[in-house]
Protein backbone atom coordinates (compact mmCIF):
# COMPACT_ATOMS: atom_id res chain seq x y z
CA MET A 1 -105.11 133.33 52.82
CA ASP A 2 -106.65 136.66 51.74
CA TYR A 3 -106.58 139.77 53.92
CA LYS A 4 -108.83 142.73 53.24
CA ALA A 5 -107.46 146.26 52.98
CA SER A 6 -110.25 148.73 53.76
CA LEU A 7 -109.84 152.45 53.34
CA ASP A 8 -109.99 154.57 56.47
CA THR A 9 -112.40 157.49 56.78
CA LEU A 10 -109.80 160.10 55.82
CA ALA A 11 -108.90 158.29 52.59
CA LYS A 12 -112.60 157.87 51.74
CA VAL A 13 -113.28 161.57 52.35
CA MET A 14 -110.19 162.63 50.39
CA THR A 15 -111.08 160.34 47.48
CA ALA A 16 -114.67 161.61 47.39
CA GLY A 17 -113.49 165.21 47.73
CA VAL A 18 -110.99 164.89 44.90
CA PHE A 19 -113.64 163.24 42.74
CA VAL A 20 -116.12 166.08 43.38
CA LEU A 21 -113.42 168.72 42.78
CA PHE A 22 -112.23 167.07 39.56
CA PHE A 23 -115.82 166.57 38.40
CA GLY A 24 -116.70 170.21 39.03
CA ILE A 25 -113.60 171.61 37.32
CA GLY A 26 -113.96 169.03 34.55
CA LEU A 27 -117.54 170.06 33.95
CA MET A 28 -116.43 173.69 33.60
CA SER A 29 -113.79 172.54 31.11
CA VAL A 30 -116.41 170.63 29.12
CA TYR A 31 -118.54 173.77 28.96
CA ALA A 32 -115.50 175.83 27.92
CA ILE A 33 -114.71 173.33 25.15
CA ARG A 34 -118.34 173.41 24.00
CA ASP A 35 -118.31 177.21 23.85
CA ALA A 36 -114.77 177.52 22.40
CA ALA A 37 -116.02 178.08 18.85
CA GLY A 38 -112.84 176.60 17.39
CA ASP A 39 -110.38 178.53 19.61
CA ARG A 40 -107.40 176.15 19.67
CA THR A 41 -105.91 177.58 22.86
CA THR A 42 -109.11 177.01 24.82
CA LEU A 43 -109.49 173.52 23.36
CA LEU A 44 -105.90 172.57 24.24
CA ILE A 45 -105.97 173.99 27.76
CA HIS A 46 -109.32 172.53 28.78
CA GLY A 47 -108.73 169.27 26.91
CA GLY A 48 -105.41 168.96 28.75
CA VAL A 49 -107.13 169.59 32.09
CA LEU A 50 -109.62 166.79 31.38
CA VAL A 51 -106.89 164.36 30.33
CA MET A 52 -104.80 165.25 33.41
CA PHE A 53 -107.74 164.71 35.79
CA VAL A 54 -108.60 161.34 34.28
CA ALA A 55 -104.93 160.28 34.36
CA ILE A 56 -104.52 161.28 38.03
CA PHE A 57 -107.71 159.59 39.16
CA LEU A 58 -107.25 156.43 37.08
CA GLY A 59 -103.53 156.16 37.85
CA SER A 60 -104.15 156.52 41.58
CA TRP A 61 -106.78 153.81 41.52
CA LEU A 62 -104.65 151.42 39.44
CA TYR A 63 -101.73 151.53 41.89
CA ALA A 64 -103.82 151.47 45.10
CA PRO A 65 -103.58 148.33 47.26
CA GLN A 66 -106.87 146.39 47.31
CA SER A 67 -105.98 143.37 49.45
CA TYR A 68 -103.11 141.14 50.54
CA THR A 69 -102.69 137.42 49.87
CA LEU A 70 -100.39 135.18 51.89
CA ASP A 71 -99.65 131.64 50.71
CA THR A 72 -96.90 129.17 51.45
CA THR A 73 -94.39 130.84 49.13
CA ALA A 74 -95.19 134.56 48.95
CA LEU A 75 -97.02 137.63 50.18
CA SER A 76 -98.87 139.39 47.37
CA ILE A 77 -100.04 142.98 47.48
CA ASN A 78 -102.99 143.00 45.12
CA ARG A 79 -103.57 146.10 42.98
CA PRO A 80 -105.71 146.60 39.87
CA ILE A 81 -102.57 147.08 37.74
CA GLY A 82 -100.89 143.93 39.07
CA LYS A 83 -99.47 142.28 42.12
CA VAL A 84 -96.39 143.14 44.11
CA VAL A 85 -94.96 139.78 45.18
CA ILE A 86 -92.61 139.35 48.13
CA ASN A 87 -91.19 135.84 48.49
CA ARG A 88 -91.49 134.53 52.03
CA SER A 89 -87.91 133.28 51.87
CA SER A 90 -86.74 136.88 51.41
CA ILE A 91 -88.59 138.24 54.47
CA LYS A 92 -86.05 138.84 57.22
CA GLU A 93 -88.38 140.60 59.68
CA ALA A 94 -92.10 141.30 60.03
CA ARG A 95 -93.50 143.31 62.93
CA LEU A 96 -96.21 145.76 63.86
CA ILE A 97 -95.15 149.40 63.81
CA GLY A 98 -95.68 151.39 66.99
CA GLU A 99 -97.55 154.70 66.97
CA GLY A 100 -94.47 156.85 67.52
CA GLU A 101 -92.29 155.18 64.90
CA LEU A 102 -93.87 156.97 61.96
CA LYS A 103 -93.75 160.49 63.40
CA SER A 104 -92.04 162.99 61.13
CA THR A 105 -92.47 160.71 58.11
CA ILE A 106 -92.26 162.52 54.81
CA ARG A 107 -93.62 161.42 51.47
CA THR A 108 -90.79 161.48 48.95
CA PHE A 109 -92.76 160.15 45.97
CA GLY A 110 -96.18 158.78 46.69
CA ASN A 111 -99.87 159.25 47.27
CA GLY A 112 -101.19 160.55 50.57
CA GLY A 113 -104.90 159.77 50.59
CA LEU A 114 -106.39 159.27 47.13
CA PHE A 115 -107.42 155.59 47.29
CA GLY A 116 -104.89 155.01 50.08
CA TYR A 117 -101.36 155.88 51.11
CA TYR A 118 -98.71 154.32 48.92
CA GLY A 119 -95.38 155.06 47.36
CA LYS A 120 -91.99 156.07 48.73
CA TYR A 121 -91.73 157.53 52.23
CA TYR A 122 -88.90 158.34 54.65
CA ASN A 123 -88.38 158.95 58.34
CA ALA A 124 -85.32 159.04 60.58
CA THR A 125 -86.33 155.99 62.66
CA ILE A 126 -87.01 153.46 59.90
CA GLY A 127 -85.34 155.10 56.90
CA HIS A 128 -86.54 154.76 53.32
CA MET A 129 -89.64 152.59 52.92
CA THR A 130 -92.37 151.73 50.45
CA TRP A 131 -95.94 152.00 51.68
CA TYR A 132 -98.94 149.99 50.50
CA LEU A 133 -101.43 151.29 53.09
CA THR A 134 -105.15 151.87 53.13
CA GLN A 135 -105.43 152.91 56.77
CA PRO A 136 -103.22 154.08 59.64
CA LYS A 137 -103.90 151.06 61.86
CA ASN A 138 -102.43 147.54 61.75
CA ARG A 139 -99.29 148.81 60.04
CA ILE A 140 -96.82 146.00 59.46
CA LEU A 141 -93.17 146.62 58.62
CA ILE A 142 -91.59 143.97 56.41
CA VAL A 143 -87.82 144.03 56.01
CA THR A 144 -86.40 141.86 53.24
CA THR A 145 -82.99 140.24 53.02
CA GLU A 146 -82.14 142.82 50.34
CA GLY A 147 -82.78 145.60 52.88
CA LYS A 148 -86.07 146.81 51.40
CA LYS A 149 -88.61 148.10 53.91
CA ILE A 150 -92.26 147.65 53.00
CA VAL A 151 -95.22 148.78 55.09
CA ILE A 152 -98.69 147.26 54.66
CA SER A 153 -101.97 147.69 56.56
CA PRO A 154 -104.34 144.73 56.44
CA ASP A 155 -107.66 144.89 58.29
CA ASP A 156 -106.53 141.84 60.29
CA ALA A 157 -103.25 142.38 62.15
CA GLY A 158 -102.97 138.60 62.49
CA LEU A 159 -101.16 138.66 59.16
CA VAL A 160 -97.96 139.56 61.01
CA ASP A 161 -98.13 136.31 63.03
CA ASN A 162 -98.69 134.28 59.86
CA LEU A 163 -95.72 136.00 58.20
CA LYS A 164 -93.46 134.98 61.09
CA ARG A 165 -94.36 131.30 60.73
């Protein structure tokens, strides 16, 4: 069964804002390259800026969760670069996360709004966890038998009930 993963308003605004910012700065870099008249330093700096912006934007999109698929054997987190597969037999616990449980969460290595919220996060209540979120509602904590903690956010919170079956 497929579950949608829609972006919340904040992620949409951040993604659009970053796109506009990168486009504006990128356009200035294109003009600087055009007017460089062979100056290698200008070409390298502005060419590097363009490459960095494309890499950030493309990389963020490739790793962003798009949807979730639950079948009889596994839960798949679908991303453009490939799926993250969690075998159902390795799921020890699946539950909705309460509002207060994610207070004081810090991002240790992840993305906080560009195409979603994903990567490595930590807080004192849950500990180290990997997020594959697109919105702050319907957050589901999955704990595996190996001790991994994964947080997902499908549009339909009924996924948690189907995971428990």
